[in-house]
Amino acid sequence: IAKLQVAGLDLPDDEDDPKPPPEPPYAAIALNPGVTITTGKAAAQCG
């Protein structure tokens, strides 16, 4: 694990085909739209 890269994990999103929410119950998570973070950072925050 230690040899794997931490920085630079930033991936695009498919804005034209957002996935609908699943049937309840589920956990909804929202990221702060006023804060710019990479995908790697966002993944950790969602975790």
All heavy atoms as atom14 arrays in JSON, in Angstrom:
{
  "sequence": "IAKLQVAGLDLPDDEDDPKPPPEPPYAAIALNPGVTITTGKAAAQCG",
  "atom14_mask": [
    [1, 1, 1, 1, 1, 1, 1, 1, 0, 0, 0, 0, 0, 0],
    [1, 1, 1, 1, 1, 0, 0, 0, 0, 0, 0, 0, 0, 0],
    [1, 1, 1, 1, 1, 1, 1, 1, 1, 0, 0, 0, 0, 0],
    [1, 1, 1, 1, 1, 1, 1, 1, 0, 0, 0, 0, 0, 0],
    [1, 1, 1, 1, 1, 1, 1, 1, 1, 0, 0, 0, 0, 0],
    [1, 1, 1, 1, 1, 1, 1, 0, 0, 0, 0, 0, 0, 0],
    [1, 1, 1, 1, 1, 0, 0, 0, 0, 0, 0, 0, 0, 0],
    [1, 1, 1, 1, 0, 0, 0, 0, 0, 0, 0, 0, 0, 0],
    [1, 1, 1, 1, 1, 1, 1, 1, 0, 0, 0, 0, 0, 0],
    [1, 1, 1, 1, 1, 1, 1, 1, 0, 0, 0, 0, 0, 0],
    [1, 1, 1, 1, 1, 1, 1, 1, 0, 0, 0, 0, 0, 0],
    [1, 1, 1, 1, 1, 1, 1, 0, 0, 0, 0, 0, 0, 0],
    [1, 1, 1, 1, 1, 1, 1, 1, 0, 0, 0, 0, 0, 0],
    [1, 1, 1, 1, 1, 1, 1, 1, 0, 0, 0, 0, 0, 0],
    [1, 1, 1, 1, 1, 1, 1, 1, 1, 0, 0, 0, 0, 0],
    [1, 1, 1, 1, 1, 1, 1, 1, 0, 0, 0, 0, 0, 0],
    [1, 1, 1, 1, 1, 1, 1, 1, 0, 0, 0, 0, 0, 0],
    [1, 1, 1, 1, 1, 1, 1, 0, 0, 0, 0, 0, 0, 0],
    [1, 1, 1, 1, 1, 1, 1, 1, 1, 0, 0, 0, 0, 0],
    [1, 1, 1, 1, 1, 1, 1, 0, 0, 0, 0, 0, 0, 0],
    [1, 1, 1, 1, 1, 1, 1, 0, 0, 0, 0, 0, 0, 0],
    [1, 1, 1, 1, 1, 1, 1, 0, 0, 0, 0, 0, 0, 0],
    [1, 1, 1, 1, 1, 1, 1, 1, 1, 0, 0, 0, 0, 0],
    [1, 1, 1, 1, 1, 1, 1, 0, 0, 0, 0, 0, 0, 0],
    [1, 1, 1, 1, 1, 1, 1, 0, 0, 0, 0, 0, 0, 0],
    [1, 1, 1, 1, 1, 1, 1, 1, 1, 1, 1, 1, 0, 0],
    [1, 1, 1, 1, 1, 0, 0, 0, 0, 0, 0, 0, 0, 0],
    [1, 1, 1, 1, 1, 0, 0, 0, 0, 0, 0, 0, 0, 0],
    [1, 1, 1, 1, 1, 1, 1, 1, 0, 0, 0, 0, 0, 0],
    [1, 1, 1, 1, 1, 0, 0, 0, 0, 0, 0, 0, 0, 0],
    [1, 1, 1, 1, 1, 1, 1, 1, 0, 0, 0, 0, 0, 0],
    [1, 1, 1, 1, 1, 1, 1, 1, 0, 0, 0, 0, 0, 0],
    [1, 1, 1, 1, 1, 1, 1, 0, 0, 0, 0, 0, 0, 0],
    [1, 1, 1, 1, 0, 0, 0, 0, 0, 0, 0, 0, 0, 0],
    [1, 1, 1, 1, 1, 1, 1, 0, 0, 0, 0, 0, 0, 0],
    [1, 1, 1, 1, 1, 1, 1, 0, 0, 0, 0, 0, 0, 0],
    [1, 1, 1, 1, 1, 1, 1, 1, 0, 0, 0, 0, 0, 0],
    [1, 1, 1, 1, 1, 1, 1, 0, 0, 0, 0, 0, 0, 0],
    [1, 1, 1, 1, 1, 1, 1, 0, 0, 0, 0, 0, 0, 0],
    [1, 1, 1, 1, 0, 0, 0, 0, 0, 0, 0, 0, 0, 0],
    [1, 1, 1, 1, 1, 1, 1, 1, 1, 0, 0, 0, 0, 0],
    [1, 1, 1, 1, 1, 0, 0, 0, 0, 0, 0, 0, 0, 0],
    [1, 1, 1, 1, 1, 0, 0, 0, 0, 0, 0, 0, 0, 0],
    [1, 1, 1, 1, 1, 0, 0, 0, 0, 0, 0, 0, 0, 0],
    [1, 1, 1, 1, 1, 1, 1, 1, 1, 0, 0, 0, 0, 0],
    [1, 1, 1, 1, 1, 1, 0, 0, 0, 0, 0, 0, 0, 0],
    [1, 1, 1, 1, 0, 0, 0, 0, 0, 0, 0, 0, 0, 0]
  ],
  "atom14_positions": [
    [[0.83, -1.21, 0.0], [0.0, 0.0, 0.0], [0.86, 1.26, 0.0], [0.57, 2.22, -0.7], [-0.95, 0.01, 1.22], [-1.91, -1.18, 1.15], [-1.73, 1.32, 1.3], [-2.81, -1.31, 2.37], [0.0, 0.0, 0.0], [0.0, 0.0, 0.0], [0.0, 0.0, 0.0], [0.0, 0.0, 0.0], [0.0, 0.0, 0.0], [0.0, 0.0, 0.0]],
    [[1.92, 1.24, 0.79], [2.77, 2.44, 0.95], [3.34, 2.93, -0.37], [3.56, 4.14, -0.54], [3.89, 2.15, 1.94], [0.0, 0.0, 0.0], [0.0, 0.0, 0.0], [0.0, 0.0, 0.0], [0.0, 0.0, 0.0], [0.0, 0.0, 0.0], [0.0, 0.0, 0.0], [0.0, 0.0, 0.0], [0.0, 0.0, 0.0], [0.0, 0.0, 0.0]],
    [[3.57, 2.02, -1.31], [4.17, 2.44, -2.58], [3.15, 3.01, -3.56], [3.53, 3.51, -4.62], [4.92, 1.27, -3.22], [4.05, 0.09, -3.62], [4.92, -1.07, -4.09], [4.12, -2.32, -4.39], [5.0, -3.46, -4.76], [0.0, 0.0, 0.0], [0.0, 0.0, 0.0], [0.0, 0.0, 0.0], [0.0, 0.0, 0.0], [0.0, 0.0, 0.0]],
    [[1.88, 2.97, -3.21], [0.85, 3.5, -4.1], [0.74, 5.01, -3.93], [0.89, 5.55, -2.84], [-0.5, 2.85, -3.81], [-0.56, 1.33, -3.99], [-1.95, 0.81, -3.59], [-0.24, 0.93, -5.41], [0.0, 0.0, 0.0], [0.0, 0.0, 0.0], [0.0, 0.0, 0.0], [0.0, 0.0, 0.0], [0.0, 0.0, 0.0], [0.0, 0.0, 0.0]],
    [[0.44, 5.7, -5.03], [0.38, 7.16, -5.02], [-0.83, 7.67, -4.28], [-1.95, 7.17, -4.43], [0.38, 7.68, -6.46], [0.44, 9.19, -6.57], [0.63, 9.65, -8.01], [1.09, 8.89, -8.86], [0.27, 10.89, -8.28], [0.0, 0.0, 0.0], [0.0, 0.0, 0.0], [0.0, 0.0, 0.0], [0.0, 0.0, 0.0], [0.0, 0.0, 0.0]],
    [[-0.61, 8.71, -3.46], [-1.69, 9.37, -2.73], [-2.22, 10.56, -3.51], [-3.41, 10.68, -3.77], [-1.22, 9.81, -1.33], [-2.34, 10.57, -0.61], [-0.77, 8.62, -0.51], [0.0, 0.0, 0.0], [0.0, 0.0, 0.0], [0.0, 0.0, 0.0], [0.0, 0.0, 0.0], [0.0, 0.0, 0.0], [0.0, 0.0, 0.0], [0.0, 0.0, 0.0]],
    [[-1.33, 11.47, -3.87], [-1.75, 12.7, -4.55], [-2.13, 12.43, -6.01], [-1.68, 11.46, -6.62], [-0.63, 13.73, -4.49], [0.0, 0.0, 0.0], [0.0, 0.0, 0.0], [0.0, 0.0, 0.0], [0.0, 0.0, 0.0], [0.0, 0.0, 0.0], [0.0, 0.0, 0.0], [0.0, 0.0, 0.0], [0.0, 0.0, 0.0], [0.0, 0.0, 0.0]],
    [[-2.97, 13.3, -6.53], [-3.25, 13.26, -7.97], [-4.43, 12.42, -8.39], [-4.69, 12.28, -9.59], [0.0, 0.0, 0.0], [0.0, 0.0, 0.0], [0.0, 0.0, 0.0], [0.0, 0.0, 0.0], [0.0, 0.0, 0.0], [0.0, 0.0, 0.0], [0.0, 0.0, 0.0], [0.0, 0.0, 0.0], [0.0, 0.0, 0.0], [0.0, 0.0, 0.0]],
    [[-5.16, 11.83, -7.44], [-6.34, 11.04, -7.82], [-7.51, 12.0, -8.0], [-8.17, 12.4, -7.04], [-6.66, 10.0, -6.75], [-7.93, 9.15, -7.01], [-7.84, 8.42, -8.34], [-8.15, 8.16, -5.87], [0.0, 0.0, 0.0], [0.0, 0.0, 0.0], [0.0, 0.0, 0.0], [0.0, 0.0, 0.0], [0.0, 0.0, 0.0], [0.0, 0.0, 0.0]],
    [[-7.74, 12.42, -9.24], [-8.82, 13.36, -9.54], [-9.48, 12.89, -10.82], [-8.86, 12.88, -11.89], [-8.26, 14.78, -9.7], [-9.31, 15.83, -9.37], [-10.37, 15.46, -8.84], [-9.06, 17.01, -9.66], [0.0, 0.0, 0.0], [0.0, 0.0, 0.0], [0.0, 0.0, 0.0], [0.0, 0.0, 0.0], [0.0, 0.0, 0.0], [0.0, 0.0, 0.0]],
    [[-10.73, 12.49, -10.72], [-11.43, 11.87, -11.84], [-12.62, 12.71, -12.27], [-13.25, 13.38, -11.44], [-11.92, 10.47, -11.43], [-10.81, 9.49, -11.01], [-11.42, 8.28, -10.32], [-9.99, 9.07, -12.22], [0.0, 0.0, 0.0], [0.0, 0.0, 0.0], [0.0, 0.0, 0.0], [0.0, 0.0, 0.0], [0.0, 0.0, 0.0], [0.0, 0.0, 0.0]],
    [[-12.97, 12.67, -13.55], [-14.14, 13.43, -14.02], [-15.43, 12.76, -13.62], [-15.45, 11.58, -13.27], [-13.95, 13.43, -15.54], [-13.2, 12.16, -15.82], [-12.28, 11.97, -14.65], [0.0, 0.0, 0.0], [0.0, 0.0, 0.0], [0.0, 0.0, 0.0], [0.0, 0.0, 0.0], [0.0, 0.0, 0.0], [0.0, 0.0, 0.0], [0.0, 0.0, 0.0]],
    [[-16.51, 13.53, -13.69], [-17.82, 12.98, -13.42], [-18.64, 13.03, -14.7], [-18.39, 13.84, -15.58], [-18.53, 13.79, -12.32], [-19.13, 12.88, -11.26], [-19.37, 11.7, -11.57], [-19.34, 13.34, -10.14], [0.0, 0.0, 0.0], [0.0, 0.0, 0.0], [0.0, 0.0, 0.0], [0.0, 0.0, 0.0], [0.0, 0.0, 0.0], [0.0, 0.0, 0.0]],
    [[-19.61, 12.14, -14.8], [-20.5, 12.13, -15.96], [-21.7, 13.01, -15.64], [-22.73, 12.55, -15.16], [-20.94, 10.7, -16.27], [-21.64, 10.61, -17.62], [-21.99, 11.68, -18.17], [-21.84, 9.5, -18.12], [0.0, 0.0, 0.0], [0.0, 0.0, 0.0], [0.0, 0.0, 0.0], [0.0, 0.0, 0.0], [0.0, 0.0, 0.0], [0.0, 0.0, 0.0]],
    [[-21.55, 14.29, -15.88], [-22.6, 15.25, -15.54], [-23.87, 15.04, -16.35], [-24.96, 15.44, -15.94], [-22.09, 16.68, -15.74], [-20.87, 17.03, -14.91], [-21.17, 17.13, -13.42], [-22.36, 17.19, -13.07], [-20.22, 17.12, -12.62], [0.0, 0.0, 0.0], [0.0, 0.0, 0.0], [0.0, 0.0, 0.0], [0.0, 0.0, 0.0], [0.0, 0.0, 0.0]],
    [[-23.74, 14.43, -17.53], [-24.9, 14.26, -18.41], [-25.76, 13.05, -18.04], [-26.87, 12.9, -18.54], [-24.44, 14.12, -19.86], [-23.73, 15.36, -20.37], [-24.1, 16.46, -19.91], [-22.82, 15.24, -21.2], [0.0, 0.0, 0.0], [0.0, 0.0, 0.0], [0.0, 0.0, 0.0], [0.0, 0.0, 0.0], [0.0, 0.0, 0.0], [0.0, 0.0, 0.0]],
    [[-25.22, 12.18, -17.17], [-25.96, 10.97, -16.83], [-25.81, 10.66, -15.34], [-25.28, 9.62, -14.96], [-25.45, 9.79, -17.67], [-26.27, 8.52, -17.45], [-27.46, 8.64, -17.1], [-25.72, 7.42, -17.63], [0.0, 0.0, 0.0], [0.0, 0.0, 0.0], [0.0, 0.0, 0.0], [0.0, 0.0, 0.0], [0.0, 0.0, 0.0], [0.0, 0.0, 0.0]],
    [[-26.29, 11.56, -14.48], [-26.17, 11.31, -13.04], [-27.03, 10.13, -12.62], [-28.14, 9.94, -13.13], [-26.66, 12.61, -12.41], [-27.57, 13.21, -13.44], [-26.97, 12.83, -14.77], [0.0, 0.0, 0.0], [0.0, 0.0, 0.0], [0.0, 0.0, 0.0], [0.0, 0.0, 0.0], [0.0, 0.0, 0.0], [0.0, 0.0, 0.0], [0.0, 0.0, 0.0]],
    [[-26.51, 9.32, -11.74], [-27.24, 8.16, -11.28], [-28.34, 8.58, -10.31], [-28.12, 9.37, -9.41], [-26.29, 7.18, -10.59], [-25.23, 6.57, -11.51], [-25.87, 5.63, -12.5], [-24.83, 4.87, -13.32], [-24.03, 5.75, -14.19], [0.0, 0.0, 0.0], [0.0, 0.0, 0.0], [0.0, 0.0, 0.0], [0.0, 0.0, 0.0], [0.0, 0.0, 0.0]],
    [[-29.55, 8.06, -10.49], [-30.64, 8.38, -9.55], [-30.39, 7.7, -8.21], [-29.65, 6.71, -8.14], [-31.88, 7.81, -10.24], [-31.35, 6.68, -11.07], [-30.0, 7.12, -11.54], [0.0, 0.0, 0.0], [0.0, 0.0, 0.0], [0.0, 0.0, 0.0], [0.0, 0.0, 0.0], [0.0, 0.0, 0.0], [0.0, 0.0, 0.0], [0.0, 0.0, 0.0]],
    [[-30.99, 8.2, -7.14], [-30.81, 7.53, -5.84], [-31.45, 6.16, -5.86], [-32.4, 5.91, -6.6], [-31.52, 8.48, -4.87], [-32.5, 9.24, -5.71], [-31.84, 9.4, -7.05], [0.0, 0.0, 0.0], [0.0, 0.0, 0.0], [0.0, 0.0, 0.0], [0.0, 0.0, 0.0], [0.0, 0.0, 0.0], [0.0, 0.0, 0.0], [0.0, 0.0, 0.0]],
    [[-30.94, 5.26, -5.04], [-31.55, 3.93, -4.95], [-32.85, 3.99, -4.17], [-33.23, 5.03, -3.62], [-30.48, 3.12, -4.18], [-29.81, 4.15, -3.32], [-29.79, 5.41, -4.14], [0.0, 0.0, 0.0], [0.0, 0.0, 0.0], [0.0, 0.0, 0.0], [0.0, 0.0, 0.0], [0.0, 0.0, 0.0], [0.0, 0.0, 0.0], [0.0, 0.0, 0.0]],
    [[-33.54, 2.88, -4.12], [-34.74, 2.79, -3.28], [-34.31, 2.87, -1.82], [-33.31, 2.28, -1.43], [-35.47, 1.48, -3.54], [-36.16, 1.4, -4.89], [-37.3, 2.41, -5.0], [-38.05, 2.56, -4.01], [-37.43, 3.05, -6.06], [0.0, 0.0, 0.0], [0.0, 0.0, 0.0], [0.0, 0.0, 0.0], [0.0, 0.0, 0.0], [0.0, 0.0, 0.0]],
    [[-35.07, 3.59, -0.99], [-34.75, 3.63, 0.44], [-34.85, 2.23, 1.05], [-35.59, 1.39, 0.53], [-35.81, 4.56, 1.01], [-36.27, 5.38, -0.16], [-36.2, 4.46, -1.34], [0.0, 0.0, 0.0], [0.0, 0.0, 0.0], [0.0, 0.0, 0.0], [0.0, 0.0, 0.0], [0.0, 0.0, 0.0], [0.0, 0.0, 0.0], [0.0, 0.0, 0.0]],
    [[-34.09, 2.0, 2.13], [-33.24, 2.94, 2.86], [-31.84, 3.01, 2.25], [-31.33, 2.04, 1.71], [-33.2, 2.33, 4.26], [-33.31, 0.86, 4.01], [-34.23, 0.7, 2.83], [0.0, 0.0, 0.0], [0.0, 0.0, 0.0], [0.0, 0.0, 0.0], [0.0, 0.0, 0.0], [0.0, 0.0, 0.0], [0.0, 0.0, 0.0], [0.0, 0.0, 0.0]],
    [[-31.25, 4.2, 2.37], [-29.87, 4.39, 1.94], [-29.29, 5.6, 2.66], [-30.03, 6.4, 3.25], [-29.78, 4.58, 0.42], [-30.47, 5.83, -0.11], [-29.8, 7.05, -0.19], [-31.8, 5.77, -0.55], [-30.44, 8.18, -0.68], [-32.43, 6.9, -1.04], [-31.75, 8.09, -1.11], [-32.38, 9.22, -1.59], [0.0, 0.0, 0.0], [0.0, 0.0, 0.0]],
    [[-27.98, 5.71, 2.63], [-27.3, 6.86, 3.21], [-27.08, 7.89, 2.12], [-26.52, 7.58, 1.07], [-25.97, 6.44, 3.82], [0.0, 0.0, 0.0], [0.0, 0.0, 0.0], [0.0, 0.0, 0.0], [0.0, 0.0, 0.0], [0.0, 0.0, 0.0], [0.0, 0.0, 0.0], [0.0, 0.0, 0.0], [0.0, 0.0, 0.0], [0.0, 0.0, 0.0]],
    [[-27.53, 9.11, 2.36], [-27.27, 10.22, 1.44], [-26.09, 11.01, 1.97], [-26.05, 11.38, 3.15], [-28.5, 11.12, 1.34], [0.0, 0.0, 0.0], [0.0, 0.0, 0.0], [0.0, 0.0, 0.0], [0.0, 0.0, 0.0], [0.0, 0.0, 0.0], [0.0, 0.0, 0.0], [0.0, 0.0, 0.0], [0.0, 0.0, 0.0], [0.0, 0.0, 0.0]],
    [[-25.13, 11.26, 1.1], [-23.95, 12.05, 1.46], [-23.84, 13.2, 0.47], [-23.98, 13.01, -0.74], [-22.66, 11.21, 1.41], [-22.74, 10.07, 2.43], [-21.43, 12.08, 1.69], [-21.54, 9.13, 2.4], [0.0, 0.0, 0.0], [0.0, 0.0, 0.0], [0.0, 0.0, 0.0], [0.0, 0.0, 0.0], [0.0, 0.0, 0.0], [0.0, 0.0, 0.0]],
    [[-23.63, 14.4, 0.98], [-23.45, 15.57, 0.13], [-22.11, 16.21, 0.46], [-21.74, 16.36, 1.63], [-24.57, 16.58, 0.35], [0.0, 0.0, 0.0], [0.0, 0.0, 0.0], [0.0, 0.0, 0.0], [0.0, 0.0, 0.0], [0.0, 0.0, 0.0], [0.0, 0.0, 0.0], [0.0, 0.0, 0.0], [0.0, 0.0, 0.0], [0.0, 0.0, 0.0]],
    [[-21.38, 16.58, -0.59], [-20.11, 17.29, -0.44], [-20.35, 18.79, -0.53], [-21.21, 19.24, -1.29], [-19.12, 16.85, -1.52], [-18.62, 15.41, -1.4], [-17.93, 14.97, -2.69], [-17.66, 15.26, -0.23], [0.0, 0.0, 0.0], [0.0, 0.0, 0.0], [0.0, 0.0, 0.0], [0.0, 0.0, 0.0], [0.0, 0.0, 0.0], [0.0, 0.0, 0.0]],
    [[-19.6, 19.54, 0.23], [-19.75, 21.0, 0.26], [-19.44, 21.59, -1.12], [-18.31, 21.49, -1.59], [-18.79, 21.58, 1.31], [-19.02, 23.06, 1.55], [-19.62, 23.77, 0.74], [-18.54, 23.54, 2.69], [0.0, 0.0, 0.0], [0.0, 0.0, 0.0], [0.0, 0.0, 0.0], [0.0, 0.0, 0.0], [0.0, 0.0, 0.0], [0.0, 0.0, 0.0]],
    [[-20.43, 22.2, -1.79], [-20.2, 22.74, -3.13], [-19.27, 23.95, -3.13], [-18.76, 24.34, -4.18], [-21.61, 23.12, -3.61], [-22.36, 23.4, -2.35], [-21.82, 22.43, -1.34], [0.0, 0.0, 0.0], [0.0, 0.0, 0.0], [0.0, 0.0, 0.0], [0.0, 0.0, 0.0], [0.0, 0.0, 0.0], [0.0, 0.0, 0.0], [0.0, 0.0, 0.0]],
    [[-19.03, 24.53, -1.96], [-18.15, 25.69, -1.89], [-16.69, 25.34, -1.64], [-15.86, 26.24, -1.51], [0.0, 0.0, 0.0], [0.0, 0.0, 0.0], [0.0, 0.0, 0.0], [0.0, 0.0, 0.0], [0.0, 0.0, 0.0], [0.0, 0.0, 0.0], [0.0, 0.0, 0.0], [0.0, 0.0, 0.0], [0.0, 0.0, 0.0], [0.0, 0.0, 0.0]],
    [[-16.39, 24.05, -1.6], [-15.02, 23.6, -1.34], [-14.55, 22.74, -2.5], [-15.23, 21.78, -2.89], [-14.95, 22.79, -0.02], [-13.55, 22.24, 0.2], [-15.37, 23.65, 1.16], [0.0, 0.0, 0.0], [0.0, 0.0, 0.0], [0.0, 0.0, 0.0], [0.0, 0.0, 0.0], [0.0, 0.0, 0.0], [0.0, 0.0, 0.0], [0.0, 0.0, 0.0]],
    [[-13.41, 23.08, -3.07], [-12.85, 22.31, -4.18], [-11.83, 21.31, -3.64], [-10.83, 21.7, -3.02], [-12.16, 23.23, -5.2], [-13.14, 24.15, -5.72], [-11.57, 22.43, -6.35], [0.0, 0.0, 0.0], [0.0, 0.0, 0.0], [0.0, 0.0, 0.0], [0.0, 0.0, 0.0], [0.0, 0.0, 0.0], [0.0, 0.0, 0.0], [0.0, 0.0, 0.0]],
    [[-12.09, 20.03, -3.86], [-11.18, 18.97, -3.43], [-11.06, 17.92, -4.52], [-11.93, 17.79, -5.37], [-11.65, 18.31, -2.11], [-13.1, 17.83, -2.21], [-11.48, 19.26, -0.93], [-13.6, 17.11, -0.95], [0.0, 0.0, 0.0], [0.0, 0.0, 0.0], [0.0, 0.0, 0.0], [0.0, 0.0, 0.0], [0.0, 0.0, 0.0], [0.0, 0.0, 0.0]],
    [[-9.99, 17.16, -4.49], [-9.76, 16.11, -5.47], [-10.67, 14.91, -5.18], [-11.27, 14.8, -4.11], [-8.3, 15.63, -5.44], [-8.03, 15.06, -4.15], [-7.34, 16.79, -5.71], [0.0, 0.0, 0.0], [0.0, 0.0, 0.0], [0.0, 0.0, 0.0], [0.0, 0.0, 0.0], [0.0, 0.0, 0.0], [0.0, 0.0, 0.0], [0.0, 0.0, 0.0]],
    [[-10.71, 13.98, -6.13], [-11.49, 12.77, -5.92], [-10.97, 11.97, -4.73], [-11.75, 11.43, -3.94], [-11.46, 11.89, -7.19], [-11.98, 12.63, -8.29], [-12.27, 10.62, -7.0], [0.0, 0.0, 0.0], [0.0, 0.0, 0.0], [0.0, 0.0, 0.0], [0.0, 0.0, 0.0], [0.0, 0.0, 0.0], [0.0, 0.0, 0.0], [0.0, 0.0, 0.0]],
    [[-9.66, 11.9, -4.59], [-9.09, 11.17, -3.47], [-9.52, 11.75, -2.14], [-9.91, 11.03, -1.21], [0.0, 0.0, 0.0], [0.0, 0.0, 0.0], [0.0, 0.0, 0.0], [0.0, 0.0, 0.0], [0.0, 0.0, 0.0], [0.0, 0.0, 0.0], [0.0, 0.0, 0.0], [0.0, 0.0, 0.0], [0.0, 0.0, 0.0], [0.0, 0.0, 0.0]],
    [[-9.46, 13.07, -2.03], [-9.88, 13.74, -0.8], [-11.37, 13.55, -0.58], [-11.82, 13.28, 0.54], [-9.55, 15.23, -0.9], [-9.92, 16.04, 0.33], [-8.97, 15.79, 1.49], [-9.2, 16.75, 2.62], [-8.27, 16.51, 3.74], [0.0, 0.0, 0.0], [0.0, 0.0, 0.0], [0.0, 0.0, 0.0], [0.0, 0.0, 0.0], [0.0, 0.0, 0.0]],
    [[-12.16, 13.7, -1.65], [-13.61, 13.53, -1.54], [-13.97, 12.12, -1.1], [-14.89, 11.92, -0.3], [-14.28, 13.86, -2.86], [0.0, 0.0, 0.0], [0.0, 0.0, 0.0], [0.0, 0.0, 0.0], [0.0, 0.0, 0.0], [0.0, 0.0, 0.0], [0.0, 0.0, 0.0], [0.0, 0.0, 0.0], [0.0, 0.0, 0.0], [0.0, 0.0, 0.0]],
    [[-13.26, 11.13, -1.61], [-13.52, 9.74, -1.22], [-13.29, 9.55, 0.27], [-14.08, 8.89, 0.96], [-12.63, 8.8, -2.03], [0.0, 0.0, 0.0], [0.0, 0.0, 0.0], [0.0, 0.0, 0.0], [0.0, 0.0, 0.0], [0.0, 0.0, 0.0], [0.0, 0.0, 0.0], [0.0, 0.0, 0.0], [0.0, 0.0, 0.0], [0.0, 0.0, 0.0]],
    [[-12.2, 10.13, 0.78], [-11.93, 10.02, 2.21], [-13.0, 10.72, 3.03], [-13.44, 10.2, 4.07], [-10.55, 10.61, 2.52], [0.0, 0.0, 0.0], [0.0, 0.0, 0.0], [0.0, 0.0, 0.0], [0.0, 0.0, 0.0], [0.0, 0.0, 0.0], [0.0, 0.0, 0.0], [0.0, 0.0, 0.0], [0.0, 0.0, 0.0], [0.0, 0.0, 0.0]],
    [[-13.45, 11.89, 2.57], [-14.49, 12.63, 3.31], [-15.81, 11.87, 3.31], [-16.53, 11.86, 4.32], [-14.68, 14.02, 2.7], [-13.43, 14.89, 2.69], [-12.76, 14.97, 4.05], [-13.34, 15.49, 5.0], [-11.54, 14.46, 4.16], [0.0, 0.0, 0.0], [0.0, 0.0, 0.0], [0.0, 0.0, 0.0], [0.0, 0.0, 0.0], [0.0, 0.0, 0.0]],
    [[-16.14, 11.24, 2.2], [-17.36, 10.42, 2.16], [-17.23, 9.22, 3.08], [-18.21, 8.8, 3.72], [-17.65, 9.99, 0.72], [-18.22, 11.33, -0.35], [0.0, 0.0, 0.0], [0.0, 0.0, 0.0], [0.0, 0.0, 0.0], [0.0, 0.0, 0.0], [0.0, 0.0, 0.0], [0.0, 0.0, 0.0], [0.0, 0.0, 0.0], [0.0, 0.0, 0.0]],
    [[-16.03, 8.66, 3.15], [-15.79, 7.58, 4.09], [-15.99, 8.03, 5.52], [-16.59, 7.33, 6.35], [0.0, 0.0, 0.0], [0.0, 0.0, 0.0], [0.0, 0.0, 0.0], [0.0, 0.0, 0.0], [0.0, 0.0, 0.0], [0.0, 0.0, 0.0], [0.0, 0.0, 0.0], [0.0, 0.0, 0.0], [0.0, 0.0, 0.0], [0.0, 0.0, 0.0]]
  ]
}
